[in-house]
Amino acid sequence: MRASKVGISTGGRERGSIITGKHAAVLGSPIGHSLSPVLHRAAYQALGLADWDYEAIECDEAGLPGLLDSLGPDWAGLSLTMPLKRAVLPLLDQAETLAAEVGGANTVVFADGGRLGFNTDVPGMITALAEAGVTTVTPVLVLGAGATACAALGALHGLAVTEATVAVRNPDTAGQLLEVAGRLGIKVRLVRFNEVSEEPAWALLISTVPSGAADDYADRITAGRLSVAAVLDVIYHPWPTRLAEAAAASGAAVSGGFELLLHQAARQVELMTGQDAPVTAMREAGQAALASSSGTRSSTE
């Protein structure tokens, strides 16, 4: 096990970092459904990086240490899905402060002979909200208490939020989320999932739960029993979800998991290649792939 250190600048790779590899991949289990290869390959093509490649590799927690050890200097970086985002932390040489605070690194960059960990989910979420025109984020309601909810707290912290209500099925399972909230200085009020008050009117609702799990909230919005000004639903396929449809019909601003996935991937491209991400080309490739696919996907993959 490596001695993980914290302190990489959140602004990007450390100045002077040397990345020699041109191979990259997304790891997870299962991983065959991942949209990440489409997004990253589109970026490489648009940037003229003809000798770069990006693949999907099946890997679970048990296999992660061995896989990392097997990668040589021809590797530039990795994208990680859950639960690898947490499992990788003790295997890094250094992790940016944000990744340590939210308890997960979804990006590993191989630079200067070491493994550097970053979290691009948080800035991706902030950018997705900004693109949807969301300017007011309090009071805020978060559905779920898993890793994506922890990233949501990181995004809220970045937007200067100090209090959040989090709806969970079982408060006893929210321990890690509360630890993250403590590190970020956010006061969390836990409520049971189906016991959220109809007051106040929520400026923002962030759903991090699986497809269909937030349908009750969609029904409440449609019936006028729940008021929301903006919704971010991390599901990106099929889209729109019932929650997104209900929110849009009520006049709320809506952002989906595809925008979150797109912007976290764009940041990964920048970290690994050192070049500005071609977001438009990545968006077009991703949307084309989704138009011809089936199944349910979320930004956490």
Foldseek 3Di string as FASTA:
>chain_A
DAAEAEAADQVFGDPPWDQQAQEEEEEEVPWPVDLLQLLLVLQCVVVVVVVHHYYYDYDDLVCVVVVVVPDDSNYFKYFYFPPVQQSCRRVFHYEYPLSVLLRGFRMWGCTPNTTYGYHLLQVLVLVLCVVLVQDDAPPEEEEDQDSNVSSVLSNVLVVVAAEYEYEDQDPVPNVSSVSSSVSSNHHYHYDHNPPDQQDDAGAEYEYPDFAPPCLVVLVCLQVVSHHYQEYEYQKVPPPDGSNQVSCVVSVHRYGYNVSSLLRSSQSNSCNRPVDHGPSVSSSVSSVVVRVPDHDIDGSSD
